[in-house]
Amino acid sequence: MLKLSKWIICICLASYGAMAQAAPKNIQLEYEVTRDGKLFANVVETFSQDASQYKIESVTKGVGVYALLGERKLSSSGSVTKDGLKPKHFELHQGDSKKKSLINDFDWPKNTLNMQVKGETRTQALEKGTQDLLSYAYQFMFMSSKARGVNAINVTLTTGKKLNHYQYKVMGRGLKLSVANAQFKTLHIAKAPAAGEDKKQLWLAEDQHYLPVQYKLTDEDGANFEQTLTSIHVE
């Protein structure tokens, strides 16, 4: 289950002025996660927008022996601006272990990110467009056509413990992918790993608000994880 934390350190985007009204107000996505081809976990995520505020929740339940590690719960809340999601508060909890909990508070007026890690508080300068481990995937709904047309996407993301910068290259557009009993046209992006880093890929549904329909990750130990959409509800 701890490997799942790497799944969501994939991508986020500081977008370029898309209108918040263009995005759905309620979303529910369900995924299956496999490890080296074997079922590993199930994920349920919900996104809701009320006026200028948003909330996202994610629950991961391990399958078989992985269920013994407890549910993995994430939540993100903040505001919806002309540039998309602006996180204010983020939490990650793994089972009953308080040592594995991560809490982030975004102090935008002071441009400071306050991170609670193992009961200690860390601070770091907050950069414009920073997303958290949960909001990043839904930020793609707010991309403008200009942002979608670039060949590389620069990313600023808090892992819960620190800020990281990534660059993802566009590998293909309009690629057909059959998941959740439907066929989607997808934007495929990937991060070329440096030595000792994980290899990450993501497919976003171009015809469904650029929501993520598939993730793939190869970790530093060579294990292959695949997270695939099984159900989608958008309104």
C-alpha atoms as a PDB file:
ATOM      1  CA  MET A   1       0.000   0.000   0.000  1.00  0.00           C
ATOM      2  CA  LEU A   2       2.905   2.337   0.658  1.00  0.00           C
ATOM      3  CA  LYS A   3       3.800   2.059  -3.002  1.00  0.00           C
ATOM      4  CA  LEU A   4       0.498   3.760  -3.815  1.00  0.00           C
ATOM      5  CA  SER A   5       1.882   7.037  -2.509  1.00  0.00           C
ATOM      6  CA  LYS A   6       4.066   7.099  -5.617  1.00  0.00           C
ATOM      7  CA  TRP A   7       1.057   6.780  -7.887  1.00  0.00           C
ATOM      8  CA  ILE A   8      -0.176  10.198  -7.087  1.00  0.00           C
ATOM      9  CA  ILE A   9       3.161  11.950  -7.338  1.00  0.00           C
ATOM     10  CA  CYS A  10       2.536  12.129 -11.049  1.00  0.00           C
ATOM     11  CA  ILE A  11       1.524  15.529 -12.259  1.00  0.00           C
ATOM     12  CA  CYS A  12      -0.095  18.874 -11.718  1.00  0.00           C
ATOM     13  CA  LEU A  13      -0.387  22.007 -13.849  1.00  0.00           C
ATOM     14  CA  ALA A  14      -0.515  25.756 -13.390  1.00  0.00           C
ATOM     15  CA  SER A  15      -3.089  26.506 -16.092  1.00  0.00           C
ATOM     16  CA  TYR A  16      -3.674  29.581 -18.201  1.00  0.00           C
ATOM     17  CA  GLY A  17      -7.009  31.200 -17.449  1.00  0.00           C
ATOM     18  CA  ALA A  18      -9.736  28.674 -18.283  1.00  0.00           C
ATOM     19  CA  MET A  19     -13.093  29.562 -16.742  1.00  0.00           C
ATOM     20  CA  ALA A  20     -14.081  27.549 -13.664  1.00  0.00           C
ATOM     21  CA  GLN A  21     -17.668  27.315 -14.935  1.00  0.00           C
ATOM     22  CA  ALA A  22     -16.500  25.019 -17.763  1.00  0.00           C
ATOM     23  CA  ALA A  23     -15.648  22.226 -15.326  1.00  0.00           C
ATOM     24  CA  PRO A  24     -18.177  19.725 -13.916  1.00  0.00           C
ATOM     25  CA  LYS A  25     -19.553  20.359 -10.438  1.00  0.00           C
ATOM     26  CA  ASN A  26     -19.655  16.714  -9.309  1.00  0.00           C
ATOM     27  CA  ILE A  27     -17.456  13.796 -10.332  1.00  0.00           C
ATOM     28  CA  GLN A  28     -17.016  10.232  -9.096  1.00  0.00           C
ATOM     29  CA  LEU A  29     -14.218   8.069 -10.466  1.00  0.00           C
ATOM     30  CA  GLU A  30     -13.428   4.460  -9.584  1.00  0.00           C
ATOM     31  CA  TYR A  31     -10.219   2.637 -10.430  1.00  0.00           C
ATOM     32  CA  GLU A  32      -8.557  -0.758 -10.153  1.00  0.00           C
ATOM     33  CA  VAL A  33      -4.852  -0.902  -9.360  1.00  0.00           C
ATOM     34  CA  THR A  34      -2.698  -3.845 -10.376  1.00  0.00           C
ATOM     35  CA  ARG A  35       0.870  -4.675  -9.445  1.00  0.00           C
ATOM     36  CA  ASP A  36       2.741  -6.735 -12.034  1.00  0.00           C
ATOM     37  CA  GLY A  37      -0.616  -7.720 -13.509  1.00  0.00           C
ATOM     38  CA  LYS A  38      -2.267  -8.809 -10.240  1.00  0.00           C
ATOM     39  CA  LEU A  39      -5.095  -6.922  -8.524  1.00  0.00           C
ATOM     40  CA  PHE A  40      -3.625  -4.750  -5.783  1.00  0.00           C
ATOM     41  CA  ALA A  41      -6.249  -2.196  -4.686  1.00  0.00           C
ATOM     42  CA  ASN A  42      -9.463  -0.340  -5.520  1.00  0.00           C
ATOM     43  CA  VAL A  43      -9.746   3.463  -5.509  1.00  0.00           C
ATOM     44  CA  VAL A  44     -12.844   5.690  -5.243  1.00  0.00           C
ATOM     45  CA  GLU A  45     -12.510   9.452  -5.739  1.00  0.00           C
ATOM     46  CA  THR A  46     -15.088  12.239  -5.560  1.00  0.00           C
ATOM     47  CA  PHE A  47     -14.822  15.864  -6.669  1.00  0.00           C
ATOM     48  CA  SER A  48     -17.399  18.534  -5.828  1.00  0.00           C
ATOM     49  CA  GLN A  49     -17.565  22.258  -6.522  1.00  0.00           C
ATOM     50  CA  ASP A  50     -19.851  24.626  -4.611  1.00  0.00           C
ATOM     51  CA  ALA A  51     -19.650  28.159  -5.977  1.00  0.00           C
ATOM     52  CA  SER A  52     -15.978  29.129  -5.677  1.00  0.00           C
ATOM     53  CA  GLN A  53     -14.997  26.274  -3.339  1.00  0.00           C
ATOM     54  CA  TYR A  54     -13.972  22.698  -4.126  1.00  0.00           C
ATOM     55  CA  LYS A  55     -13.455  19.484  -2.191  1.00  0.00           C
ATOM     56  CA  ILE A  56     -11.853  16.228  -3.315  1.00  0.00           C
ATOM     57  CA  GLU A  57     -11.737  12.940  -1.428  1.00  0.00           C
ATOM     58  CA  SER A  58      -9.984   9.675  -2.306  1.00  0.00           C
ATOM     59  CA  VAL A  59     -10.167   6.285  -0.573  1.00  0.00           C
ATOM     60  CA  THR A  60      -7.902   3.371  -1.498  1.00  0.00           C
ATOM     61  CA  LYS A  61      -8.664  -0.122  -0.216  1.00  0.00           C
ATOM     62  CA  GLY A  62      -6.065  -2.838  -0.607  1.00  0.00           C
ATOM     63  CA  VAL A  63      -7.047  -6.269  -1.910  1.00  0.00           C
ATOM     64  CA  GLY A  64      -6.074  -9.486  -0.132  1.00  0.00           C
ATOM     65  CA  VAL A  65      -3.060  -9.176   2.140  1.00  0.00           C
ATOM     66  CA  TYR A  66      -2.751  -5.466   1.265  1.00  0.00           C
ATOM     67  CA  ALA A  67      -6.071  -4.820   3.014  1.00  0.00           C
ATOM     68  CA  LEU A  68      -4.283  -5.413   6.321  1.00  0.00           C
ATOM     69  CA  LEU A  69      -2.501  -2.068   5.941  1.00  0.00           C
ATOM     70  CA  GLY A  70      -5.795  -0.191   6.276  1.00  0.00           C
ATOM     71  CA  GLU A  71      -7.515   2.330   4.071  1.00  0.00           C
ATOM     72  CA  ARG A  72      -5.543   5.138   2.528  1.00  0.00           C
ATOM     73  CA  LYS A  73      -7.540   8.389   2.666  1.00  0.00           C
ATOM     74  CA  LEU A  74      -6.712  11.706   1.048  1.00  0.00           C
ATOM     75  CA  SER A  75      -8.606  14.981   1.039  1.00  0.00           C
ATOM     76  CA  SER A  76      -8.017  18.346  -0.596  1.00  0.00           C
ATOM     77  CA  SER A  77     -10.024  21.545  -0.301  1.00  0.00           C
ATOM     78  CA  GLY A  78      -9.632  25.102  -1.497  1.00  0.00           C
ATOM     79  CA  SER A  79     -10.928  27.615  -4.001  1.00  0.00           C
ATOM     80  CA  VAL A  80     -11.694  27.558  -7.717  1.00  0.00           C
ATOM     81  CA  THR A  81     -10.174  30.537  -9.542  1.00  0.00           C
ATOM     82  CA  LYS A  82      -9.876  31.622 -13.147  1.00  0.00           C
ATOM     83  CA  ASP A  83      -6.636  29.619 -13.212  1.00  0.00           C
ATOM     84  CA  GLY A  84      -8.223  26.501 -11.750  1.00  0.00           C
ATOM     85  CA  LEU A  85      -7.776  24.866  -8.372  1.00  0.00           C
ATOM     86  CA  LYS A  86      -5.996  26.709  -5.564  1.00  0.00           C
ATOM     87  CA  PRO A  87      -5.518  24.292  -2.646  1.00  0.00           C
ATOM     88  CA  LYS A  88      -5.845  25.521   0.919  1.00  0.00           C
ATOM     89  CA  HIS A  89      -5.717  22.310   2.980  1.00  0.00           C
ATOM     90  CA  PHE A  90      -4.549  18.752   2.242  1.00  0.00           C
ATOM     91  CA  GLU A  91      -4.473  15.590   4.359  1.00  0.00           C
ATOM     92  CA  LEU A  92      -3.215  12.030   3.826  1.00  0.00           C
ATOM     93  CA  HIS A  93      -3.871   9.198   6.293  1.00  0.00           C
ATOM     94  CA  GLN A  94      -2.766   5.564   6.048  1.00  0.00           C
ATOM     95  CA  GLY A  95      -4.808   3.230   8.239  1.00  0.00           C
ATOM     96  CA  ASP A  96      -4.482   4.012  11.949  1.00  0.00           C
ATOM     97  CA  SER A  97      -0.835   5.061  11.750  1.00  0.00           C
ATOM     98  CA  LYS A  98      -0.494   8.693  12.812  1.00  0.00           C
ATOM     99  CA  LYS A  99       3.196   8.577  11.879  1.00  0.00           C
ATOM    100  CA  LYS A 100       2.236   8.140   8.239  1.00  0.00           C
ATOM    101  CA  SER A 101      -0.196  11.069   8.200  1.00  0.00           C
ATOM    102  CA  LEU A 102       0.679  14.167   6.178  1.00  0.00           C
ATOM    103  CA  ILE A 103      -1.075  17.532   6.572  1.00  0.00           C
ATOM    104  CA  ASN A 104      -0.406  20.588   4.411  1.00  0.00           C
ATOM    105  CA  ASP A 105      -1.741  24.128   4.796  1.00  0.00           C
ATOM    106  CA  PHE A 106      -1.300  26.607   1.951  1.00  0.00           C
ATOM    107  CA  ASP A 107      -0.807  30.175   3.219  1.00  0.00           C
ATOM    108  CA  TRP A 108      -1.128  32.015  -0.075  1.00  0.00           C
ATOM    109  CA  PRO A 109      -1.079  35.574   1.390  1.00  0.00           C
ATOM    110  CA  LYS A 110       2.335  34.803   2.913  1.00  0.00           C
ATOM    111  CA  ASN A 111       3.403  32.451   0.093  1.00  0.00           C
ATOM    112  CA  THR A 112       4.247  29.793   2.666  1.00  0.00           C
ATOM    113  CA  LEU A 113       3.542  26.064   2.635  1.00  0.00           C
ATOM    114  CA  ASN A 114       3.209  24.567   6.140  1.00  0.00           C
ATOM    115  CA  MET A 115       3.727  20.796   6.225  1.00  0.00           C
ATOM    116  CA  GLN A 116       3.096  18.538   9.218  1.00  0.00           C
ATOM    117  CA  VAL A 117       5.264  15.417   8.931  1.00  0.00           C
ATOM    118  CA  LYS A 118       5.495  12.918  11.814  1.00  0.00           C
ATOM    119  CA  GLY A 119       4.269  15.569  14.214  1.00  0.00           C
ATOM    120  CA  GLU A 120       6.841  18.135  13.117  1.00  0.00           C
ATOM    121  CA  THR A 121       6.131  21.278  11.103  1.00  0.00           C
ATOM    122  CA  ARG A 122       8.162  22.101   8.023  1.00  0.00           C
ATOM    123  CA  THR A 123       7.832  25.297   6.018  1.00  0.00           C
ATOM    124  CA  GLN A 124       8.775  26.092   2.458  1.00  0.00           C
ATOM    125  CA  ALA A 125       8.223  28.992   0.062  1.00  0.00           C
ATOM    126  CA  LEU A 126       4.953  28.463  -1.793  1.00  0.00           C
ATOM    127  CA  GLU A 127       5.159  28.785  -5.564  1.00  0.00           C
ATOM    128  CA  LYS A 128       2.353  29.988  -7.818  1.00  0.00           C
ATOM    129  CA  GLY A 129       0.280  27.133  -9.249  1.00  0.00           C
ATOM    130  CA  THR A 130       1.388  24.549  -6.676  1.00  0.00           C
ATOM    131  CA  GLN A 131      -0.974  21.588  -6.374  1.00  0.00           C
ATOM    132  CA  ASP A 132      -1.203  18.790  -3.818  1.00  0.00           C
ATOM    133  CA  LEU A 133      -1.196  15.015  -4.281  1.00  0.00           C
ATOM    134  CA  LEU A 134      -4.950  14.951  -4.893  1.00  0.00           C
ATOM    135  CA  SER A 135      -5.802  18.230  -6.613  1.00  0.00           C
ATOM    136  CA  TYR A 136      -3.213  17.805  -9.379  1.00  0.00           C
ATOM    137  CA  ALA A 137      -5.281  15.348 -11.403  1.00  0.00           C
ATOM    138  CA  TYR A 138      -8.373  17.574 -11.419  1.00  0.00           C
ATOM    139  CA  GLN A 139      -6.424  20.693 -12.348  1.00  0.00           C
ATOM    140  CA  PHE A 140      -6.275  19.387 -15.930  1.00  0.00           C
ATOM    141  CA  MET A 141      -9.968  20.219 -16.308  1.00  0.00           C
ATOM    142  CA  PHE A 142      -8.990  23.880 -16.302  1.00  0.00           C
ATOM    143  CA  MET A 143      -6.303  23.755 -18.979  1.00  0.00           C
ATOM    144  CA  SER A 144      -6.742  26.206 -21.808  1.00  0.00           C
ATOM    145  CA  SER A 145      -6.359  25.144 -25.432  1.00  0.00           C
ATOM    146  CA  LYS A 146      -2.957  26.848 -25.406  1.00  0.00           C
ATOM    147  CA  ALA A 147      -1.758  24.735 -22.487  1.00  0.00           C
ATOM    148  CA  ARG A 148      -3.072  21.569 -24.113  1.00  0.00           C
ATOM    149  CA  GLY A 149      -1.129  22.309 -27.268  1.00  0.00           C
ATOM    150  CA  VAL A 150       2.339  22.432 -25.715  1.00  0.00           C
ATOM    151  CA  ASN A 151       4.852  19.608 -25.997  1.00  0.00           C
ATOM    152  CA  ALA A 152       5.987  19.680 -22.364  1.00  0.00           C
ATOM    153  CA  ILE A 153       4.303  20.463 -19.056  1.00  0.00           C
ATOM    154  CA  ASN A 154       6.228  21.864 -16.094  1.00  0.00           C
ATOM    155  CA  VAL A 155       4.900  20.763 -12.730  1.00  0.00           C
ATOM    156  CA  THR A 156       5.086  22.125  -9.170  1.00  0.00           C
ATOM    157  CA  LEU A 157       3.747  19.640  -6.624  1.00  0.00           C
ATOM    158  CA  THR A 158       3.859  19.177  -2.878  1.00  0.00           C
ATOM    159  CA  THR A 159       4.364  15.536  -1.973  1.00  0.00           C
ATOM    160  CA  GLY A 160       3.212  16.321   1.547  1.00  0.00           C
ATOM    161  CA  LYS A 161       6.813  16.499   2.708  1.00  0.00           C
ATOM    162  CA  LYS A 162       8.399  18.911   0.231  1.00  0.00           C
ATOM    163  CA  LEU A 163       7.896  20.744  -3.048  1.00  0.00           C
ATOM    164  CA  ASN A 164       9.101  19.027  -6.203  1.00  0.00           C
ATOM    165  CA  HIS A 165       9.413  20.172  -9.806  1.00  0.00           C
ATOM    166  CA  TYR A 166       8.770  17.864 -12.757  1.00  0.00           C
ATOM    167  CA  GLN A 167       8.535  18.071 -16.517  1.00  0.00           C
ATOM    168  CA  TYR A 168       6.236  15.781 -18.483  1.00  0.00           C
ATOM    169  CA  LYS A 169       6.444  15.376 -22.249  1.00  0.00           C
ATOM    170  CA  VAL A 170       3.407  14.932 -24.471  1.00  0.00           C
ATOM    171  CA  MET A 171       3.731  11.501 -26.071  1.00  0.00           C
ATOM    172  CA  GLY A 172       0.529  11.524 -28.107  1.00  0.00           C
ATOM    173  CA  ARG A 173      -2.861  13.149 -28.658  1.00  0.00           C
ATOM    174  CA  GLY A 174      -6.193  11.616 -29.641  1.00  0.00           C
ATOM    175  CA  LEU A 175      -5.062   8.121 -28.655  1.00  0.00           C
ATOM    176  CA  LYS A 176      -7.995   5.732 -28.266  1.00  0.00           C
ATOM    177  CA  LEU A 177      -8.215   3.869 -24.958  1.00  0.00           C
ATOM    178  CA  SER A 178     -10.979   1.439 -23.980  1.00  0.00           C
ATOM    179  CA  VAL A 179     -11.714   1.466 -20.237  1.00  0.00           C
ATOM    180  CA  ALA A 180     -14.833   1.484 -18.014  1.00  0.00           C
ATOM    181  CA  ASN A 181     -16.917  -0.038 -20.848  1.00  0.00           C
ATOM    182  CA  ALA A 182     -16.253   3.003 -23.033  1.00  0.00           C
ATOM    183  CA  GLN A 183     -13.703   4.324 -25.487  1.00  0.00           C
ATOM    184  CA  PHE A 184     -11.928   7.606 -24.799  1.00  0.00           C
ATOM    185  CA  LYS A 185      -9.702   9.873 -26.860  1.00  0.00           C
ATOM    186  CA  THR A 186      -6.717  10.531 -24.628  1.00  0.00           C
ATOM    187  CA  LEU A 187      -3.746  12.814 -24.160  1.00  0.00           C
ATOM    188  CA  HIS A 188      -0.717  10.707 -23.197  1.00  0.00           C
ATOM    189  CA  ILE A 189       2.012  12.362 -21.127  1.00  0.00           C
ATOM    190  CA  ALA A 190       5.098  10.823 -19.529  1.00  0.00           C
ATOM    191  CA  LYS A 191       8.008  11.781 -17.316  1.00  0.00           C
ATOM    192  CA  ALA A 192      11.448  10.583 -18.352  1.00  0.00           C
ATOM    193  CA  PRO A 193      13.023   9.434 -15.076  1.00  0.00           C
ATOM    194  CA  ALA A 194      16.451  10.413 -13.902  1.00  0.00           C
ATOM    195  CA  ALA A 195      18.652   7.813 -12.243  1.00  0.00           C
ATOM    196  CA  GLY A 196      16.884   6.305  -9.225  1.00  0.00           C
ATOM    197  CA  GLU A 197      13.488   7.861 -10.053  1.00  0.00           C
ATOM    198  CA  ASP A 198      10.200   6.208 -10.920  1.00  0.00           C
ATOM    199  CA  LYS A 199       8.912   6.159 -14.491  1.00  0.00           C
ATOM    200  CA  LYS A 200       5.422   7.674 -14.665  1.00  0.00           C
ATOM    201  CA  GLN A 201       2.802   7.929 -17.421  1.00  0.00           C
ATOM    202  CA  LEU A 202      -0.724   9.306 -17.526  1.00  0.00           C
ATOM    203  CA  TRP A 203      -3.615   9.201 -19.996  1.00  0.00           C
ATOM    204  CA  LEU A 204      -6.181  12.048 -19.811  1.00  0.00           C
ATOM    205  CA  ALA A 205      -9.605  11.790 -21.468  1.00  0.00           C
ATOM    206  CA  GLU A 206      -9.764  14.598 -24.037  1.00  0.00           C
ATOM    207  CA  ASP A 207     -13.491  13.985 -24.537  1.00  0.00           C
ATOM    208  CA  GLN A 208     -14.266  13.881 -20.800  1.00  0.00           C
ATOM    209  CA  HIS A 209     -12.817  17.094 -19.314  1.00  0.00           C
ATOM    210  CA  TYR A 210      -9.251  15.723 -19.374  1.00  0.00           C
ATOM    211  CA  LEU A 211      -9.949  13.500 -16.392  1.00  0.00           C
ATOM    212  CA  PRO A 212      -7.329  10.794 -15.761  1.00  0.00           C
ATOM    213  CA  VAL A 213      -8.416   7.386 -17.051  1.00  0.00           C
ATOM    214  CA  GLN A 214      -5.160   5.490 -16.682  1.00  0.00           C
ATOM    215  CA  TYR A 215      -1.856   5.762 -14.802  1.00  0.00           C
ATOM    216  CA  LYS A 216       1.234   3.594 -15.206  1.00  0.00           C
ATOM    217  CA  LEU A 217       4.279   3.554 -12.953  1.00  0.00           C
ATOM    218  CA  THR A 218       7.472   1.548 -12.762  1.00  0.00           C
ATOM    219  CA  ASP A 219       9.168   2.038  -9.413  1.00  0.00           C
ATOM    220  CA  GLU A 220      12.860   1.959  -8.589  1.00  0.00           C
ATOM    221  CA  ASP A 221      12.592  -1.752  -7.753  1.00  0.00           C
ATOM    222  CA  GLY A 222      11.160  -2.571 -11.180  1.00  0.00           C
ATOM    223  CA  ALA A 223       7.584  -3.254  -9.999  1.00  0.00           C
ATOM    224  CA  ASN A 224       4.926  -2.216 -12.527  1.00  0.00           C
ATOM    225  CA  PHE A 225       1.743  -0.552 -11.274  1.00  0.00           C
ATOM    226  CA  GLU A 226      -1.272   0.221 -13.433  1.00  0.00           C
ATOM    227  CA  GLN A 227      -4.315   2.215 -12.275  1.00  0.00           C
ATOM    228  CA  THR A 228      -7.246   1.938 -14.680  1.00  0.00           C
ATOM    229  CA  LEU A 229     -10.656   3.612 -14.665  1.00  0.00           C
ATOM    230  CA  THR A 230     -13.574   1.220 -14.077  1.00  0.00           C
ATOM    231  CA  SER A 231     -16.433   3.685 -13.511  1.00  0.00           C
ATOM    232  CA  ILE A 232     -17.080   7.375 -14.219  1.00  0.00           C
ATOM    233  CA  HIS A 233     -19.959   9.678 -13.274  1.00  0.00           C
ATOM    234  CA  VAL A 234     -19.860  13.362 -14.231  1.00  0.00           C
ATOM    235  CA  GLU A 235     -22.494  16.071 -13.788  1.00  0.00           C
END
